[in-house]
Amino acid sequence: MGRHTDPNEKSKGKYVVIGLAGLLLAGGLYFGVTRILNNPTEKPKETVTTKKSQKEPKKTSANTKQSAKKSSEKKVKAKTKKTTESSKKKKTKESSTSKKQASSKKKTAAKTKKKTTGKLDAANLTKSAGKVYYGVHYFKNKQDFSSDNSESTIAANVIELFIMDYALAQKDGSDQVIQDKKLGEWLNPMIQQNDINATNVLIDHYGMDKLNAYFKDQGYPDTRIESRMVDINVRGTEKNNYTSLNDCMKLLKKIYDGREKEPQKTMVESLKGQVIRTKIPEKLPKDTTVANITGEQQNVENDIGLVLTEDNPFAIVVLTNEVSDIVQTRTAIADFSLAASKLK
């Protein structure tokens, strides 16, 4: 016979299956509920934390940059303002300095003009002479007063100063012997007394060509010797001896600048011994030291020299031609010299 199944065993198997299914269902339910409850809490928290950590650094960085930018702008503005103010102050200072300098120049120019034209009136020099050339140079303040019309004109005895300059520039200087006389024995009469014989001796001794070449080399372009003094052989011709305002003034400055050394020292001493005092020295105080050389010729009245006052020494040149009144011209030269001595 076949084996039959026990009803109790079937019942037991049924309960086992139901229990297992219940356990599985309960486990799944528990897992699902736990997952649902845990995920919403953690996820928002994580998200908030992340957003906060990302936004705050950006905000801080932006604020820092903005703050730095503002600070930089303030510094630039402050620097610009300072530079602008400094520039304005500098410009104001420069403008003020320029105005002061301009004002000073104007005052100096006005003062100079007043000194050189306000007191030295040369009008009388032209009243009795057709041609007049005059100039004054003050050695201390370097001021000049001039007719500004320098040109070659008849030198008369003034040419003798240029001859002396040449003679003393030669080898042996004042120790030269000419016709059994020392050079000084010819120079002093020539300079101090207008001794034309002494002048002609020196012209013949040195020669016109050498003398004229020296004048040119020394920068006296208008000065030249064309004849001996009062030479009857050239009367009626156009030959004469010439110089100019500029050449005379240049030689006088040379003599004054080198007055403490040779040969200029000898030249000054010789000029101081001038005995003809009818022009430049005539109206000056008697104790005034004047080193001059005068010159006369028909229709010509000249006088040039150094007025050696302690406070205001000066060189003076007056050359005239086409003279109609000798006395009036000489007086005008004397008055002009006196006015020049009073100019401060």
C-alpha atoms as a PDB file:
ATOM      1  CA  MET A   1       0.000   0.000   0.000  1.00  0.00           C
ATOM      2  CA  GLY A   2       1.120   3.443  -0.581  1.00  0.00           C
ATOM      3  CA  ARG A   3       2.380   5.932   2.201  1.00  0.00           C
ATOM      4  CA  HIS A   4      -0.169   8.593   3.293  1.00  0.00           C
ATOM      5  CA  THR A   5       0.767  12.220   4.386  1.00  0.00           C
ATOM      6  CA  ASP A   6       0.057  13.239   7.955  1.00  0.00           C
ATOM      7  CA  PRO A   7      -2.371  16.176   8.189  1.00  0.00           C
ATOM      8  CA  ASN A   8      -0.381  17.595  11.112  1.00  0.00           C
ATOM      9  CA  GLU A   9       2.785  17.755   9.038  1.00  0.00           C
ATOM     10  CA  LYS A  10       0.981  19.694   6.302  1.00  0.00           C
ATOM     11  CA  SER A  11      -0.271  22.162   8.860  1.00  0.00           C
ATOM     12  CA  LYS A  12       3.226  22.669  10.255  1.00  0.00           C
ATOM     13  CA  GLY A  13       4.728  23.439   6.787  1.00  0.00           C
ATOM     14  CA  LYS A  14       1.999  25.933   6.113  1.00  0.00           C
ATOM     15  CA  TYR A  15       2.821  27.889   9.290  1.00  0.00           C
ATOM     16  CA  VAL A  16       6.539  27.891   8.488  1.00  0.00           C
ATOM     17  CA  VAL A  17       5.943  29.456   5.062  1.00  0.00           C
ATOM     18  CA  ILE A  18       3.610  32.082   6.542  1.00  0.00           C
ATOM     19  CA  GLY A  19       6.181  32.956   9.243  1.00  0.00           C
ATOM     20  CA  LEU A  20       8.979  33.366   6.741  1.00  0.00           C
ATOM     21  CA  ALA A  21       6.830  35.553   4.545  1.00  0.00           C
ATOM     22  CA  GLY A  22       5.926  37.681   7.523  1.00  0.00           C
ATOM     23  CA  LEU A  23       9.529  38.092   8.500  1.00  0.00           C
ATOM     24  CA  LEU A  24      10.448  39.117   4.965  1.00  0.00           C
ATOM     25  CA  LEU A  25       7.551  41.554   4.841  1.00  0.00           C
ATOM     26  CA  ALA A  26       8.432  43.028   8.219  1.00  0.00           C
ATOM     27  CA  GLY A  27      12.134  43.374   7.266  1.00  0.00           C
ATOM     28  CA  GLY A  28      11.294  45.072   3.977  1.00  0.00           C
ATOM     29  CA  LEU A  29       8.860  47.379   5.702  1.00  0.00           C
ATOM     30  CA  TYR A  30      11.406  48.286   8.330  1.00  0.00           C
ATOM     31  CA  PHE A  31      14.134  48.954   5.747  1.00  0.00           C
ATOM     32  CA  GLY A  32      11.801  51.122   3.671  1.00  0.00           C
ATOM     33  CA  VAL A  33      10.586  53.179   6.594  1.00  0.00           C
ATOM     34  CA  THR A  34      14.127  53.708   7.904  1.00  0.00           C
ATOM     35  CA  ARG A  35      15.338  54.838   4.492  1.00  0.00           C
ATOM     36  CA  ILE A  36      12.472  57.279   4.065  1.00  0.00           C
ATOM     37  CA  LEU A  37      12.951  58.757   7.510  1.00  0.00           C
ATOM     38  CA  ASN A  38      16.736  59.130   7.264  1.00  0.00           C
ATOM     39  CA  ASN A  39      17.165  60.540   3.705  1.00  0.00           C
ATOM     40  CA  PRO A  40      15.116  63.810   3.987  1.00  0.00           C
ATOM     41  CA  THR A  41      16.920  64.879   7.162  1.00  0.00           C
ATOM     42  CA  GLU A  42      20.448  64.262   5.913  1.00  0.00           C
ATOM     43  CA  LYS A  43      20.033  65.544   2.380  1.00  0.00           C
ATOM     44  CA  PRO A  44      18.707  69.058   3.204  1.00  0.00           C
ATOM     45  CA  LYS A  45      21.314  69.445   5.892  1.00  0.00           C
ATOM     46  CA  GLU A  46      24.065  68.506   3.474  1.00  0.00           C
ATOM     47  CA  THR A  47      22.697  70.827   0.803  1.00  0.00           C
ATOM     48  CA  VAL A  48      22.389  73.820   3.120  1.00  0.00           C
ATOM     49  CA  THR A  49      25.860  73.289   4.433  1.00  0.00           C
ATOM     50  CA  THR A  50      27.283  73.128   0.923  1.00  0.00           C
ATOM     51  CA  LYS A  51      25.493  76.247  -0.283  1.00  0.00           C
ATOM     52  CA  LYS A  52      26.528  78.208   2.778  1.00  0.00           C
ATOM     53  CA  SER A  53      30.134  77.181   2.450  1.00  0.00           C
ATOM     54  CA  GLN A  54      30.121  78.168  -1.244  1.00  0.00           C
ATOM     55  CA  LYS A  55      28.306  81.513  -0.941  1.00  0.00           C
ATOM     56  CA  GLU A  56      30.161  82.947   2.067  1.00  0.00           C
ATOM     57  CA  PRO A  57      33.689  82.762   0.539  1.00  0.00           C
ATOM     58  CA  LYS A  58      32.406  84.454  -2.638  1.00  0.00           C
ATOM     59  CA  LYS A  59      30.765  87.206  -0.626  1.00  0.00           C
ATOM     60  CA  THR A  60      33.933  87.716   1.420  1.00  0.00           C
ATOM     61  CA  SER A  61      36.124  87.798  -1.709  1.00  0.00           C
ATOM     62  CA  ALA A  62      33.860  90.300  -3.438  1.00  0.00           C
ATOM     63  CA  ASN A  63      33.785  92.541  -0.382  1.00  0.00           C
ATOM     64  CA  THR A  64      37.550  92.365  -0.052  1.00  0.00           C
ATOM     65  CA  LYS A  65      38.079  93.262  -3.705  1.00  0.00           C
ATOM     66  CA  GLN A  66      35.565  96.065  -3.527  1.00  0.00           C
ATOM     67  CA  SER A  67      37.164  97.387  -0.363  1.00  0.00           C
ATOM     68  CA  ALA A  68      40.639  97.149  -1.919  1.00  0.00           C
ATOM     69  CA  LYS A  69      39.401  98.880  -5.049  1.00  0.00           C
ATOM     70  CA  LYS A  70      37.878 101.727  -3.045  1.00  0.00           C
ATOM     71  CA  SER A  71      41.042 102.055  -0.987  1.00  0.00           C
ATOM     72  CA  SER A  72      43.143 102.109  -4.156  1.00  0.00           C
ATOM     73  CA  GLU A  73      40.864 104.713  -5.721  1.00  0.00           C
ATOM     74  CA  LYS A  74      41.111 106.868  -2.597  1.00  0.00           C
ATOM     75  CA  LYS A  75      44.904 106.658  -2.676  1.00  0.00           C
ATOM     76  CA  VAL A  76      45.003 107.525  -6.378  1.00  0.00           C
ATOM     77  CA  LYS A  77      42.644 110.459  -5.818  1.00  0.00           C
ATOM     78  CA  ALA A  78      44.681 111.627  -2.842  1.00  0.00           C
ATOM     79  CA  LYS A  79      47.912 111.306  -4.832  1.00  0.00           C
ATOM     80  CA  THR A  80      46.392 113.059  -7.837  1.00  0.00           C
ATOM     81  CA  LYS A  81      45.088 115.833  -5.620  1.00  0.00           C
ATOM     82  CA  LYS A  82      48.475 116.189  -3.953  1.00  0.00           C
ATOM     83  CA  THR A  83      50.257 116.213  -7.316  1.00  0.00           C
ATOM     84  CA  THR A  84      47.801 118.756  -8.690  1.00  0.00           C
ATOM     85  CA  GLU A  85      48.225 120.982  -5.650  1.00  0.00           C
ATOM     86  CA  SER A  86      51.991 120.600  -5.837  1.00  0.00           C
ATOM     87  CA  SER A  87      51.919 121.407  -9.551  1.00  0.00           C
ATOM     88  CA  LYS A  88      49.740 124.452  -8.916  1.00  0.00           C
ATOM     89  CA  LYS A  89      52.061 125.638  -6.159  1.00  0.00           C
ATOM     90  CA  LYS A  90      55.091 125.072  -8.415  1.00  0.00           C
ATOM     91  CA  LYS A  91      53.467 126.935 -11.297  1.00  0.00           C
ATOM     92  CA  THR A  92      52.446 129.720  -8.965  1.00  0.00           C
ATOM     93  CA  LYS A  93      55.977 129.894  -7.594  1.00  0.00           C
ATOM     94  CA  GLU A  94      57.491 129.815 -11.083  1.00  0.00           C
ATOM     95  CA  SER A  95      55.045 132.437 -12.266  1.00  0.00           C
ATOM     96  CA  SER A  96      55.886 134.573  -9.261  1.00  0.00           C
ATOM     97  CA  THR A  97      59.618 134.094  -9.889  1.00  0.00           C
ATOM     98  CA  SER A  98      59.208 134.916 -13.581  1.00  0.00           C
ATOM     99  CA  LYS A  99      57.270 138.047 -12.734  1.00  0.00           C
ATOM    100  CA  LYS A 100      59.922 139.081 -10.235  1.00  0.00           C
ATOM    101  CA  GLN A 101      62.685 138.438 -12.785  1.00  0.00           C
ATOM    102  CA  ALA A 102      60.797 140.314 -15.491  1.00  0.00           C
ATOM    103  CA  SER A 103      60.171 143.154 -13.069  1.00  0.00           C
ATOM    104  CA  SER A 104      63.832 143.150 -12.060  1.00  0.00           C
ATOM    105  CA  LYS A 105      64.926 143.212 -15.705  1.00  0.00           C
ATOM    106  CA  LYS A 106      62.576 146.087 -16.454  1.00  0.00           C
ATOM    107  CA  LYS A 107      63.886 148.024 -13.460  1.00  0.00           C
ATOM    108  CA  THR A 108      67.494 147.314 -14.465  1.00  0.00           C
ATOM    109  CA  ALA A 109      66.800 148.313 -18.057  1.00  0.00           C
ATOM    110  CA  ALA A 110      65.047 151.470 -16.921  1.00  0.00           C
ATOM    111  CA  LYS A 111      67.871 152.242 -14.520  1.00  0.00           C
ATOM    112  CA  THR A 112      70.482 151.632 -17.210  1.00  0.00           C
ATOM    113  CA  LYS A 113      68.589 153.768 -19.688  1.00  0.00           C
ATOM    114  CA  LYS A 114      68.329 156.530 -17.161  1.00  0.00           C
ATOM    115  CA  LYS A 115      72.022 156.372 -16.420  1.00  0.00           C
ATOM    116  CA  THR A 116      73.225 156.320 -20.002  1.00  0.00           C
ATOM    117  CA  THR A 117      70.817 158.770 -21.589  1.00  0.00           C
ATOM    118  CA  GLY A 118      69.454 160.883 -18.760  1.00  0.00           C
ATOM    119  CA  LYS A 119      72.593 162.863 -17.940  1.00  0.00           C
ATOM    120  CA  LEU A 120      75.030 162.470 -20.829  1.00  0.00           C
ATOM    121  CA  ASP A 121      73.835 165.090 -23.275  1.00  0.00           C
ATOM    122  CA  ALA A 122      75.928 165.073 -26.437  1.00  0.00           C
ATOM    123  CA  ALA A 123      73.888 167.717 -28.257  1.00  0.00           C
ATOM    124  CA  ASN A 124      76.546 170.422 -27.876  1.00  0.00           C
ATOM    125  CA  LEU A 125      79.122 168.247 -29.609  1.00  0.00           C
ATOM    126  CA  THR A 126      77.235 168.477 -32.886  1.00  0.00           C
ATOM    127  CA  LYS A 127      76.593 172.240 -32.834  1.00  0.00           C
ATOM    128  CA  SER A 128      79.941 173.211 -34.323  1.00  0.00           C
ATOM    129  CA  ALA A 129      81.050 170.025 -36.074  1.00  0.00           C
ATOM    130  CA  GLY A 130      79.567 168.314 -39.109  1.00  0.00           C
ATOM    131  CA  LYS A 131      80.712 164.833 -38.060  1.00  0.00           C
ATOM    132  CA  VAL A 132      80.964 163.686 -34.442  1.00  0.00           C
ATOM    133  CA  TYR A 133      81.811 160.247 -33.022  1.00  0.00           C
ATOM    134  CA  TYR A 134      81.732 159.771 -29.260  1.00  0.00           C
ATOM    135  CA  GLY A 135      81.716 156.978 -26.714  1.00  0.00           C
ATOM    136  CA  VAL A 136      82.127 156.351 -22.985  1.00  0.00           C
ATOM    137  CA  HIS A 137      82.805 152.978 -21.341  1.00  0.00           C
ATOM    138  CA  TYR A 138      82.581 152.541 -17.558  1.00  0.00           C
ATOM    139  CA  PHE A 139      84.908 149.811 -16.377  1.00  0.00           C
ATOM    140  CA  LYS A 140      83.195 148.890 -13.109  1.00  0.00           C
ATOM    141  CA  ASN A 141      79.593 148.479 -14.214  1.00  0.00           C
ATOM    142  CA  LYS A 142      80.421 147.781 -17.906  1.00  0.00           C
ATOM    143  CA  GLN A 143      77.971 150.407 -19.119  1.00  0.00           C
ATOM    144  CA  ASP A 144      78.429 152.082 -22.484  1.00  0.00           C
ATOM    145  CA  PHE A 145      77.244 155.354 -23.944  1.00  0.00           C
ATOM    146  CA  SER A 146      77.917 155.780 -27.646  1.00  0.00           C
ATOM    147  CA  SER A 147      76.918 157.595 -30.814  1.00  0.00           C
ATOM    148  CA  ASP A 148      76.929 154.142 -32.473  1.00  0.00           C
ATOM    149  CA  ASN A 149      78.206 155.547 -35.761  1.00  0.00           C
ATOM    150  CA  SER A 150      81.775 154.280 -35.823  1.00  0.00           C
ATOM    151  CA  GLU A 151      83.527 154.655 -39.163  1.00  0.00           C
ATOM    152  CA  SER A 152      86.948 155.510 -40.482  1.00  0.00           C
ATOM    153  CA  THR A 153      87.734 159.200 -39.854  1.00  0.00           C
ATOM    154  CA  ILE A 154      90.833 161.443 -39.738  1.00  0.00           C
ATOM    155  CA  ALA A 155      92.937 160.523 -36.716  1.00  0.00           C
ATOM    156  CA  ALA A 156      95.259 163.552 -36.507  1.00  0.00           C
ATOM    157  CA  ASN A 157      97.675 163.025 -33.563  1.00  0.00           C
ATOM    158  CA  VAL A 158      95.527 160.241 -32.076  1.00  0.00           C
ATOM    159  CA  ILE A 159      97.326 157.908 -34.509  1.00  0.00           C
ATOM    160  CA  GLU A 160     100.381 158.309 -32.246  1.00  0.00           C
ATOM    161  CA  LEU A 161      98.794 156.126 -29.556  1.00  0.00           C
ATOM    162  CA  PHE A 162      98.578 153.239 -32.010  1.00  0.00           C
ATOM    163  CA  ILE A 163     102.212 153.816 -33.022  1.00  0.00           C
ATOM    164  CA  MET A 164     103.250 153.634 -29.346  1.00  0.00           C
ATOM    165  CA  ASP A 165     101.297 150.376 -28.965  1.00  0.00           C
ATOM    166  CA  TYR A 166     103.252 148.877 -31.862  1.00  0.00           C
ATOM    167  CA  ALA A 167     106.641 150.222 -30.731  1.00  0.00           C
ATOM    168  CA  LEU A 168     106.369 148.793 -27.194  1.00  0.00           C
ATOM    169  CA  ALA A 169     105.205 145.430 -28.532  1.00  0.00           C
ATOM    170  CA  GLN A 170     108.537 144.951 -30.319  1.00  0.00           C
ATOM    171  CA  LYS A 171     111.484 142.993 -29.025  1.00  0.00           C
ATOM    172  CA  ASP A 172     113.408 144.871 -26.290  1.00  0.00           C
ATOM    173  CA  GLY A 173     110.363 147.127 -25.719  1.00  0.00           C
ATOM    174  CA  SER A 174     111.326 150.467 -24.182  1.00  0.00           C
ATOM    175  CA  ASP A 175     115.034 149.507 -24.344  1.00  0.00           C
ATOM    176  CA  GLN A 176     115.096 149.901 -28.123  1.00  0.00           C
ATOM    177  CA  VAL A 177     117.571 152.467 -29.416  1.00  0.00           C
ATOM    178  CA  ILE A 178     116.556 154.588 -32.405  1.00  0.00           C
ATOM    179  CA  GLN A 179     118.954 157.216 -33.765  1.00  0.00           C
ATOM    180  CA  ASP A 180     121.053 157.066 -30.599  1.00  0.00           C
ATOM    181  CA  LYS A 181     118.045 157.596 -28.347  1.00  0.00           C
ATOM    182  CA  LYS A 182     116.077 155.150 -26.282  1.00  0.00           C
ATOM    183  CA  LEU A 183     112.524 154.557 -27.429  1.00  0.00           C
ATOM    184  CA  GLY A 184     111.065 156.462 -24.461  1.00  0.00           C
ATOM    185  CA  GLU A 185     112.844 159.626 -25.591  1.00  0.00           C
ATOM    186  CA  TRP A 186     110.782 159.527 -28.765  1.00  0.00           C
ATOM    187  CA  LEU A 187     107.535 158.278 -27.281  1.00  0.00           C
ATOM    188  CA  ASN A 188     107.026 160.867 -24.545  1.00  0.00           C
ATOM    189  CA  PRO A 189     107.391 163.969 -26.766  1.00  0.00           C
ATOM    190  CA  MET A 190     105.193 162.320 -29.392  1.00  0.00           C
ATOM    191  CA  ILE A 191     102.407 161.466 -26.895  1.00  0.00           C
ATOM    192  CA  GLN A 192     102.604 164.357 -24.449  1.00  0.00           C
ATOM    193  CA  GLN A 193     103.402 167.277 -26.751  1.00  0.00           C
ATOM    194  CA  ASN A 194     102.202 166.146 -30.181  1.00  0.00           C
ATOM    195  CA  ASP A 195     105.800 166.292 -31.416  1.00  0.00           C
ATOM    196  CA  ILE A 196     105.331 165.458 -35.101  1.00  0.00           C
ATOM    197  CA  ASN A 197     109.086 165.127 -35.655  1.00  0.00           C
ATOM    198  CA  ALA A 198     109.236 162.275 -33.120  1.00  0.00           C
ATOM    199  CA  THR A 199     106.207 160.707 -34.762  1.00  0.00           C
ATOM    200  CA  ASN A 200     107.807 160.816 -38.211  1.00  0.00           C
ATOM    201  CA  VAL A 201     111.046 159.300 -36.882  1.00  0.00           C
ATOM    202  CA  LEU A 202     109.121 156.280 -35.581  1.00  0.00           C
ATOM    203  CA  ILE A 203     107.011 155.964 -38.746  1.00  0.00           C
ATOM    204  CA  ASP A 204     110.187 155.937 -40.840  1.00  0.00           C
ATOM    205  CA  HIS A 205     111.932 153.529 -38.464  1.00  0.00           C
ATOM    206  CA  TYR A 206     109.204 150.887 -38.359  1.00  0.00           C
ATOM    207  CA  GLY A 207     107.680 151.453 -41.801  1.00  0.00           C
ATOM    208  CA  MET A 208     104.040 152.081 -42.702  1.00  0.00           C
ATOM    209  CA  ASP A 209     103.447 148.586 -44.029  1.00  0.00           C
ATOM    210  CA  LYS A 210     104.518 146.903 -40.786  1.00  0.00           C
ATOM    211  CA  LEU A 211     102.557 149.365 -38.702  1.00  0.00           C
ATOM    212  CA  ASN A 212      99.379 148.877 -40.755  1.00  0.00           C
ATOM    213  CA  ALA A 213      99.757 145.088 -40.731  1.00  0.00           C
ATOM    214  CA  TYR A 214     100.015 145.190 -36.923  1.00  0.00           C
ATOM    215  CA  PHE A 215      96.922 147.393 -36.617  1.00  0.00           C
ATOM    216  CA  LYS A 216      94.954 144.926 -38.717  1.00  0.00           C
ATOM    217  CA  ASP A 217      96.196 141.903 -36.732  1.00  0.00           C
ATOM    218  CA  GLN A 218      95.278 143.597 -33.443  1.00  0.00           C
ATOM    219  CA  GLY A 219      91.693 144.136 -34.586  1.00  0.00           C
ATOM    220  CA  TYR A 220      91.838 147.813 -35.585  1.00  0.00           C
ATOM    221  CA  PRO A 221      90.368 147.588 -39.110  1.00  0.00           C
ATOM    222  CA  ASP A 222      89.749 151.335 -39.514  1.00  0.00           C
ATOM    223  CA  THR A 223      93.195 152.448 -38.364  1.00  0.00           C
ATOM    224  CA  ARG A 224      95.929 152.997 -40.950  1.00  0.00           C
ATOM    225  CA  ILE A 225      98.831 155.279 -41.760  1.00  0.00           C
ATOM    226  CA  GLU A 226      98.996 156.662 -45.286  1.00  0.00           C
ATOM    227  CA  SER A 227     101.487 159.489 -44.773  1.00  0.00           C
ATOM    228  CA  ARG A 228     103.988 161.034 -42.424  1.00  0.00           C
ATOM    229  CA  MET A 229     102.719 163.837 -40.152  1.00  0.00           C
ATOM    230  CA  VAL A 230     102.286 167.200 -41.931  1.00  0.00           C
ATOM    231  CA  ASP A 231     103.959 165.848 -45.023  1.00  0.00           C
ATOM    232  CA  ILE A 232     104.224 168.562 -47.679  1.00  0.00           C
ATOM    233  CA  ASN A 233     104.706 165.866 -50.286  1.00  0.00           C
ATOM    234  CA  VAL A 234     101.103 164.618 -49.881  1.00  0.00           C
ATOM    235  CA  ARG A 235      99.318 167.942 -49.549  1.00  0.00           C
ATOM    236  CA  GLY A 236      96.394 168.215 -51.919  1.00  0.00           C
ATOM    237  CA  THR A 237      96.011 164.435 -52.083  1.00  0.00           C
ATOM    238  CA  GLU A 238      93.499 162.247 -50.276  1.00  0.00           C
ATOM    239  CA  LYS A 239      96.213 160.537 -48.250  1.00  0.00           C
ATOM    240  CA  ASN A 240      95.826 160.874 -44.493  1.00  0.00           C
ATOM    241  CA  ASN A 241      95.969 158.862 -41.281  1.00  0.00           C
ATOM    242  CA  TYR A 242      92.740 157.293 -40.049  1.00  0.00           C
ATOM    243  CA  THR A 243      91.112 155.630 -37.067  1.00  0.00           C
ATOM    244  CA  SER A 244      87.582 155.146 -35.696  1.00  0.00           C
ATOM    245  CA  LEU A 245      85.512 155.312 -32.555  1.00  0.00           C
ATOM    246  CA  ASN A 246      85.509 151.524 -32.131  1.00  0.00           C
ATOM    247  CA  ASP A 247      89.261 151.148 -32.747  1.00  0.00           C
ATOM    248  CA  CYS A 248      90.116 153.873 -30.242  1.00  0.00           C
ATOM    249  CA  MET A 249      87.805 152.426 -27.594  1.00  0.00           C
ATOM    250  CA  LYS A 250      89.255 148.932 -28.097  1.00  0.00           C
ATOM    251  CA  LEU A 251      92.826 150.188 -27.609  1.00  0.00           C
ATOM    252  CA  LEU A 252      91.898 152.190 -24.496  1.00  0.00           C
ATOM    253  CA  LYS A 253      90.257 149.097 -22.954  1.00  0.00           C
ATOM    254  CA  LYS A 254      93.365 147.066 -23.728  1.00  0.00           C
ATOM    255  CA  ILE A 255      95.569 149.646 -22.034  1.00  0.00           C
ATOM    256  CA  TYR A 256      93.319 149.861 -18.963  1.00  0.00           C
ATOM    257  CA  ASP A 257      93.001 146.092 -18.554  1.00  0.00           C
ATOM    258  CA  GLY A 258      96.787 145.639 -18.648  1.00  0.00           C
ATOM    259  CA  ARG A 259      97.687 148.839 -16.774  1.00  0.00           C
ATOM    260  CA  GLU A 260      99.577 146.985 -14.034  1.00  0.00           C
ATOM    261  CA  LYS A 261     101.910 145.144 -16.394  1.00  0.00           C
ATOM    262  CA  GLU A 262     104.160 146.011 -19.316  1.00  0.00           C
ATOM    263  CA  PRO A 263     103.914 147.446 -21.877  1.00  0.00           C
ATOM    264  CA  GLN A 264     100.534 148.948 -20.918  1.00  0.00           C
ATOM    265  CA  LYS A 265     101.935 150.304 -17.669  1.00  0.00           C
ATOM    266  CA  THR A 266     104.449 152.412 -19.608  1.00  0.00           C
ATOM    267  CA  MET A 267     101.691 153.590 -21.947  1.00  0.00           C
ATOM    268  CA  VAL A 268      99.523 154.779 -19.041  1.00  0.00           C
ATOM    269  CA  GLU A 269     102.408 156.662 -17.461  1.00  0.00           C
ATOM    270  CA  SER A 270     103.207 158.387 -20.733  1.00  0.00           C
ATOM    271  CA  LEU A 271      99.566 159.383 -21.286  1.00  0.00           C
ATOM    272  CA  LYS A 272      99.349 160.812 -17.768  1.00  0.00           C
ATOM    273  CA  GLY A 273     102.054 163.301 -18.735  1.00  0.00           C
ATOM    274  CA  GLN A 274      99.890 164.947 -21.422  1.00  0.00           C
ATOM    275  CA  VAL A 275     100.432 168.690 -21.346  1.00  0.00           C
ATOM    276  CA  ILE A 276      97.578 169.653 -23.674  1.00  0.00           C
ATOM    277  CA  ARG A 277      94.578 169.815 -21.368  1.00  0.00           C
ATOM    278  CA  THR A 278      92.071 171.879 -23.335  1.00  0.00           C
ATOM    279  CA  LYS A 279      89.484 169.139 -23.883  1.00  0.00           C
ATOM    280  CA  ILE A 280      88.851 165.991 -21.773  1.00  0.00           C
ATOM    281  CA  PRO A 281      90.705 167.211 -18.621  1.00  0.00           C
ATOM    282  CA  GLU A 282      89.750 170.896 -18.935  1.00  0.00           C
ATOM    283  CA  LYS A 283      86.739 171.000 -16.569  1.00  0.00           C
ATOM    284  CA  LEU A 284      87.459 167.977 -14.393  1.00  0.00           C
ATOM    285  CA  PRO A 285      88.605 168.496 -10.783  1.00  0.00           C
ATOM    286  CA  LYS A 286      92.328 169.269 -10.701  1.00  0.00           C
ATOM    287  CA  ASP A 287      93.146 166.149  -8.706  1.00  0.00           C
ATOM    288  CA  THR A 288      91.522 163.849 -11.313  1.00  0.00           C
ATOM    289  CA  THR A 289      94.025 161.547 -12.994  1.00  0.00           C
ATOM    290  CA  VAL A 290      93.612 161.671 -16.764  1.00  0.00           C
ATOM    291  CA  ALA A 291      95.678 159.676 -19.266  1.00  0.00           C
ATOM    292  CA  ASN A 292      94.808 161.081 -22.681  1.00  0.00           C
ATOM    293  CA  ILE A 293      96.097 162.025 -26.105  1.00  0.00           C
ATOM    294  CA  THR A 294      94.660 164.932 -28.030  1.00  0.00           C
ATOM    295  CA  GLY A 295      94.757 165.632 -31.743  1.00  0.00           C
ATOM    296  CA  GLU A 296      94.308 168.704 -33.880  1.00  0.00           C
ATOM    297  CA  GLN A 297      94.333 169.201 -37.571  1.00  0.00           C
ATOM    298  CA  GLN A 298      92.540 171.534 -39.949  1.00  0.00           C
ATOM    299  CA  ASN A 299      88.791 171.154 -39.227  1.00  0.00           C
ATOM    300  CA  VAL A 300      89.558 168.270 -36.828  1.00  0.00           C
ATOM    301  CA  GLU A 301      89.402 168.215 -33.015  1.00  0.00           C
ATOM    302  CA  ASN A 302      89.990 164.853 -31.331  1.00  0.00           C
ATOM    303  CA  ASP A 303      90.670 163.673 -27.789  1.00  0.00           C
ATOM    304  CA  ILE A 304      90.664 160.148 -26.315  1.00  0.00           C
ATOM    305  CA  GLY A 305      91.822 158.784 -22.989  1.00  0.00           C
ATOM    306  CA  LEU A 306      91.250 157.229 -19.573  1.00  0.00           C
ATOM    307  CA  VAL A 307      89.688 159.141 -16.677  1.00  0.00           C
ATOM    308  CA  LEU A 308      91.056 157.216 -13.693  1.00  0.00           C
ATOM    309  CA  THR A 309      88.760 158.124 -10.803  1.00  0.00           C
ATOM    310  CA  GLU A 310      88.740 155.658  -7.914  1.00  0.00           C
ATOM    311  CA  ASP A 311      85.000 155.095  -7.758  1.00  0.00           C
ATOM    312  CA  ASN A 312      84.067 155.145 -11.448  1.00  0.00           C
ATOM    313  CA  PRO A 313      86.964 154.991 -13.964  1.00  0.00           C
ATOM    314  CA  PHE A 314      86.014 155.230 -17.620  1.00  0.00           C
ATOM    315  CA  ALA A 315      87.371 155.430 -21.151  1.00  0.00           C
ATOM    316  CA  ILE A 316      86.235 158.327 -23.332  1.00  0.00           C
ATOM    317  CA  VAL A 317      86.548 158.942 -27.066  1.00  0.00           C
ATOM    318  CA  VAL A 318      85.524 162.081 -28.970  1.00  0.00           C
ATOM    319  CA  LEU A 319      86.416 162.436 -32.647  1.00  0.00           C
ATOM    320  CA  THR A 320      85.125 165.393 -34.672  1.00  0.00           C
ATOM    321  CA  ASN A 321      85.465 166.508 -38.281  1.00  0.00           C
ATOM    322  CA  GLU A 322      84.170 169.389 -40.357  1.00  0.00           C
ATOM    323  CA  VAL A 323      84.622 171.689 -37.349  1.00  0.00           C
ATOM    324  CA  SER A 324      83.392 175.252 -37.875  1.00  0.00           C
ATOM    325  CA  ASP A 325      84.249 176.639 -34.423  1.00  0.00           C
ATOM    326  CA  ILE A 326      87.354 175.259 -32.702  1.00  0.00           C
ATOM    327  CA  VAL A 327      86.742 176.908 -29.322  1.00  0.00           C
ATOM    328  CA  GLN A 328      83.107 175.843 -29.191  1.00  0.00           C
ATOM    329  CA  THR A 329      84.002 172.259 -30.091  1.00  0.00           C
ATOM    330  CA  ARG A 330      86.734 172.036 -27.454  1.00  0.00           C
ATOM    331  CA  THR A 331      84.359 173.427 -24.838  1.00  0.00           C
ATOM    332  CA  ALA A 332      81.700 170.895 -25.828  1.00  0.00           C
ATOM    333  CA  ILE A 333      84.226 168.044 -25.420  1.00  0.00           C
ATOM    334  CA  ALA A 334      85.183 169.367 -21.964  1.00  0.00           C
ATOM    335  CA  ASP A 335      81.523 169.620 -20.915  1.00  0.00           C
ATOM    336  CA  PHE A 336      80.827 166.125 -22.192  1.00  0.00           C
ATOM    337  CA  SER A 337      83.782 164.744 -20.223  1.00  0.00           C
ATOM    338  CA  LEU A 338      82.610 166.484 -17.049  1.00  0.00           C
ATOM    339  CA  ALA A 339      79.085 165.079 -17.425  1.00  0.00           C
ATOM    340  CA  ALA A 340      80.529 161.606 -17.956  1.00  0.00           C
ATOM    341  CA  SER A 341      82.574 161.890 -14.729  1.00  0.00           C
ATOM    342  CA  LYS A 342      79.425 162.650 -12.722  1.00  0.00           C
ATOM    343  CA  LEU A 343      77.480 159.662 -13.963  1.00  0.00           C
ATOM    344  CA  LYS A 344      77.085 157.064 -11.210  1.00  0.00           C
END
